[in-house]
Amino acid sequence: MTIQLHCFGESGNAYKAALALELSGLDWEPVFVDFFGGATRSEDFRRDLNPMGEAPVMVDGDVKLTQSGVIQMYVTETTGKFGGTTPEEAREVMRWVFWDNHKLSSQAGMTRFLMNFLPEDKRPQPVIDFMQGRLKAAYATLDAHLDGRDWIVGDGLTNADLSCCGYLYYPEPFGFERQDWPHIDAWLTRLSQQPGWKHPYALMPGSPADRA
């Protein structure tokens, strides 16, 4: 049975799940969620897919999962991939997934939304400035960790990489310039060279161009 991932291209959190599914080799397909049309706030979505009103949502037969990190865990449980090769590595992978969710992706996602998807007259510049300062500290942490490493944990691609990259390939400005962070830049290049890698707008339906 084909796994369905309810997602949309603008979502870095959905991208984390979609990329894990794609690189794992599992049979899956994206199902477009019209986030900007209010789909996740609808009664049907909350009743049938996710009472939290969020995407992504993965459906594999009777299994329904939400939150990108949980979906990544399911991919690891199903395929044995991306979870680390030892219990110590598995814990380290989860440490970086939690760090990303709290320190990097959540703040990058909010900042990108405020800067690109709100009308210009409603963009709160003091909030954006504050968030960009927080993000700069997160970039510095990740860049320093990647100095001398190919991957965030161990010797291969893991969910730590698939989580932390979630928002860093998007073209819309949110205060991240790859050339300012050479170790992150090299890591993103390395990740994008993995067989099967796709840009979020190529991997999932939905992009700002659709609403232009």
Protein backbone atom coordinates (compact mmCIF):
# COMPACT_ATOMS: atom_id res chain seq x y z
CA MET A 1 0.00 0.00 0.00
CA THR A 2 1.28 3.45 -0.92
CA ILE A 3 1.99 5.72 2.04
CA GLN A 4 0.27 9.09 1.79
CA LEU A 5 1.83 12.25 3.16
CA HIS A 6 -0.57 15.17 3.50
CA CYS A 7 1.73 18.12 2.94
CA PHE A 8 2.42 21.32 1.04
CA GLY A 9 5.60 22.59 -0.57
CA GLU A 10 6.05 25.72 1.52
CA SER A 11 6.28 23.73 4.75
CA GLY A 12 9.77 22.94 5.98
CA ASN A 13 8.30 20.59 8.55
CA ALA A 14 6.49 18.66 5.84
CA TYR A 15 9.74 18.63 3.86
CA LYS A 16 11.54 16.81 6.68
CA ALA A 17 9.00 13.98 6.51
CA ALA A 18 8.80 13.95 2.72
CA LEU A 19 12.57 13.84 2.33
CA ALA A 20 12.88 10.97 4.80
CA LEU A 21 10.24 9.02 2.89
CA GLU A 22 11.82 9.80 -0.48
CA LEU A 23 15.39 8.92 0.47
CA SER A 24 14.29 5.78 2.32
CA GLY A 25 12.95 4.21 -0.85
CA LEU A 26 9.49 3.62 0.61
CA ASP A 27 6.49 3.79 -1.73
CA TRP A 28 4.77 7.07 -0.94
CA GLU A 29 2.86 9.92 -2.53
CA PRO A 30 2.18 13.51 -1.51
CA VAL A 31 -1.38 14.69 -0.96
CA PHE A 32 -1.73 18.46 -1.27
CA VAL A 33 -2.94 20.36 1.76
CA ASP A 34 -4.20 23.86 0.89
CA PHE A 35 -2.75 25.47 3.99
CA PHE A 36 -3.06 29.02 2.68
CA GLY A 37 -6.68 28.33 1.78
CA GLY A 38 -7.39 27.35 5.38
CA ALA A 39 -7.48 23.57 4.95
CA THR A 40 -5.74 22.73 8.24
CA ARG A 41 -8.18 24.91 10.14
CA SER A 42 -11.23 23.15 8.71
CA GLU A 43 -13.46 20.90 10.77
CA ASP A 44 -12.95 18.02 8.32
CA PHE A 45 -9.16 18.18 8.54
CA ARG A 46 -9.16 18.27 12.33
CA ARG A 47 -11.68 15.44 12.55
CA ASP A 48 -10.25 13.15 9.88
CA LEU A 49 -6.52 13.87 9.87
CA ASN A 50 -5.09 15.89 12.73
CA PRO A 51 -6.96 17.49 15.64
CA MET A 52 -3.90 19.70 16.15
CA GLY A 53 -4.67 21.35 12.81
CA GLU A 54 -1.19 20.89 11.37
CA ALA A 55 0.59 19.32 8.43
CA PRO A 56 2.30 16.98 7.70
CA VAL A 57 0.13 13.96 8.34
CA MET A 58 1.29 10.51 7.25
CA VAL A 59 -1.21 7.73 6.56
CA ASP A 60 0.03 4.17 6.02
CA GLY A 61 -2.96 1.86 6.07
CA ASP A 62 -4.29 1.96 9.63
CA VAL A 63 -1.31 3.98 10.85
CA LYS A 64 -1.83 7.75 11.04
CA LEU A 65 1.01 9.91 12.34
CA THR A 66 1.59 13.62 12.81
CA GLN A 67 4.68 15.68 13.64
CA SER A 68 7.66 15.38 11.31
CA GLY A 69 9.96 13.85 13.91
CA VAL A 70 7.49 11.06 14.63
CA ILE A 71 7.11 10.36 10.91
CA GLN A 72 10.90 10.22 10.60
CA MET A 73 10.95 7.73 13.48
CA TYR A 74 8.39 5.59 11.62
CA VAL A 75 10.57 5.61 8.52
CA THR A 76 13.49 4.43 10.66
CA GLU A 77 11.40 1.72 12.32
CA THR A 78 10.16 0.53 8.92
CA THR A 79 13.43 0.62 6.98
CA GLY A 80 16.23 0.69 9.55
CA LYS A 81 17.57 3.86 7.93
CA PHE A 82 18.49 7.27 9.38
CA GLY A 83 18.35 6.33 13.05
CA GLY A 84 22.04 5.90 13.82
CA THR A 85 23.99 2.66 14.07
CA THR A 86 24.30 2.34 17.87
CA PRO A 87 22.11 3.21 20.85
CA GLU A 88 24.47 6.11 21.57
CA GLU A 89 24.07 7.44 18.03
CA ALA A 90 20.30 6.96 18.20
CA ARG A 91 20.15 9.15 21.29
CA GLU A 92 22.39 11.73 19.64
CA VAL A 93 20.14 11.78 16.58
CA MET A 94 17.14 12.48 18.79
CA ARG A 95 19.05 15.17 20.67
CA TRP A 96 19.61 17.04 17.41
CA VAL A 97 16.04 16.50 16.22
CA PHE A 98 14.75 18.02 19.48
CA TRP A 99 17.28 20.86 19.23
CA ASP A 100 16.21 21.59 15.68
CA ASN A 101 12.52 21.58 16.54
CA HIS A 102 13.09 24.03 19.39
CA LYS A 103 15.98 26.21 18.27
CA LEU A 104 16.16 26.14 14.47
CA SER A 105 13.17 25.04 12.43
CA SER A 106 10.47 26.53 14.64
CA GLN A 107 12.15 29.93 14.54
CA ALA A 108 13.16 29.75 10.88
CA GLY A 109 9.63 28.78 9.92
CA MET A 110 8.08 31.65 11.85
CA THR A 111 10.57 34.20 10.57
CA ARG A 112 10.17 33.08 6.96
CA PHE A 113 6.40 33.26 7.31
CA LEU A 114 6.48 36.76 8.80
CA MET A 115 8.86 38.02 6.11
CA ASN A 116 7.28 36.43 3.06
CA PHE A 117 3.71 35.31 3.59
CA LEU A 118 2.20 38.28 5.44
CA PRO A 119 1.26 41.54 3.71
CA GLU A 120 4.15 43.99 3.98
CA ASP A 121 2.19 46.37 6.19
CA LYS A 122 1.57 43.59 8.72
CA ARG A 123 5.14 42.37 9.09
CA PRO A 124 6.34 43.04 12.67
CA GLN A 125 9.89 44.23 12.12
CA PRO A 126 10.94 44.19 15.81
CA VAL A 127 9.81 40.57 16.07
CA ILE A 128 11.63 39.68 12.85
CA ASP A 129 14.81 41.34 14.10
CA PHE A 130 14.61 39.45 17.38
CA MET A 131 13.99 36.12 15.66
CA GLN A 132 16.87 36.65 13.26
CA GLY A 133 19.16 37.21 16.23
CA ARG A 134 17.99 33.93 17.75
CA LEU A 135 18.48 32.18 14.44
CA LYS A 136 22.01 33.52 14.06
CA ALA A 137 22.91 31.81 17.34
CA ALA A 138 21.40 28.55 16.07
CA TYR A 139 23.29 28.76 12.77
CA ALA A 140 26.50 29.34 14.71
CA THR A 141 25.87 26.24 16.84
CA LEU A 142 25.21 24.04 13.82
CA ASP A 143 28.07 25.48 11.77
CA ALA A 144 30.57 24.89 14.58
CA HIS A 145 29.32 21.33 15.09
CA LEU A 146 29.77 20.56 11.38
CA ASP A 147 33.38 21.74 11.33
CA GLY A 148 35.31 18.58 10.44
CA ARG A 149 32.16 16.46 10.06
CA ASP A 150 30.30 15.28 6.97
CA TRP A 151 27.09 14.58 8.90
CA ILE A 152 25.58 15.78 12.15
CA VAL A 153 25.75 12.35 13.80
CA GLY A 154 28.09 9.50 12.92
CA ASP A 155 29.35 8.66 9.46
CA GLY A 156 26.13 8.80 7.47
CA LEU A 157 22.86 10.55 6.83
CA THR A 158 20.42 10.45 9.76
CA ASN A 159 17.20 12.07 10.86
CA ALA A 160 19.33 14.73 12.52
CA ASP A 161 20.37 15.94 9.06
CA LEU A 162 16.90 15.51 7.59
CA SER A 163 15.42 17.56 10.44
CA CYS A 164 17.97 20.36 10.61
CA CYS A 165 17.92 20.98 6.85
CA GLY A 166 14.15 21.44 6.81
CA TYR A 167 14.05 25.18 6.11
CA LEU A 168 17.55 25.81 4.80
CA TYR A 169 16.96 25.08 1.09
CA TYR A 170 14.10 27.55 0.66
CA PRO A 171 14.79 30.55 -1.58
CA GLU A 172 12.65 33.07 0.31
CA PRO A 173 14.66 35.42 2.54
CA PHE A 174 14.56 34.92 6.29
CA GLY A 175 18.07 35.90 7.34
CA PHE A 176 19.98 32.79 6.30
CA GLU A 177 22.74 33.18 3.73
CA ARG A 178 24.59 29.96 2.99
CA GLN A 179 27.86 31.70 2.19
CA ASP A 180 28.00 33.09 5.72
CA TRP A 181 28.14 29.58 7.19
CA PRO A 182 30.71 27.52 5.25
CA HIS A 183 30.29 24.26 7.14
CA ILE A 184 26.50 24.39 6.85
CA ASP A 185 26.88 25.25 3.18
CA ALA A 186 29.14 22.25 2.51
CA TRP A 187 26.78 19.97 4.45
CA LEU A 188 23.71 21.17 2.50
CA THR A 189 25.59 20.57 -0.74
CA ARG A 190 26.58 17.09 0.42
CA LEU A 191 22.99 16.30 1.37
CA SER A 192 21.63 17.57 -1.94
CA GLN A 193 24.00 15.18 -3.74
CA GLN A 194 22.39 12.12 -2.14
CA PRO A 195 20.60 9.88 -4.67
CA GLY A 196 16.94 10.80 -4.76
CA TRP A 197 17.27 14.22 -3.10
CA LYS A 198 14.79 16.82 -4.29
CA HIS A 199 14.19 20.47 -3.47
CA PRO A 200 11.03 20.99 -1.38
CA TYR A 201 9.16 22.64 -4.25
CA ALA A 202 10.01 19.67 -6.48
CA LEU A 203 9.18 17.05 -3.86
CA MET A 204 5.79 18.36 -2.68
CA PRO A 205 2.91 20.18 -4.35
CA GLY A 206 2.42 23.86 -3.60
CA SER A 207 4.69 26.88 -3.89
CA PRO A 208 4.42 30.69 -3.73
CA ALA A 209 4.35 30.71 -7.55
CA ASP A 210 0.95 29.01 -7.39
CA ARG A 211 -0.49 32.06 -5.65
CA ALA A 212 1.37 34.73 -7.62
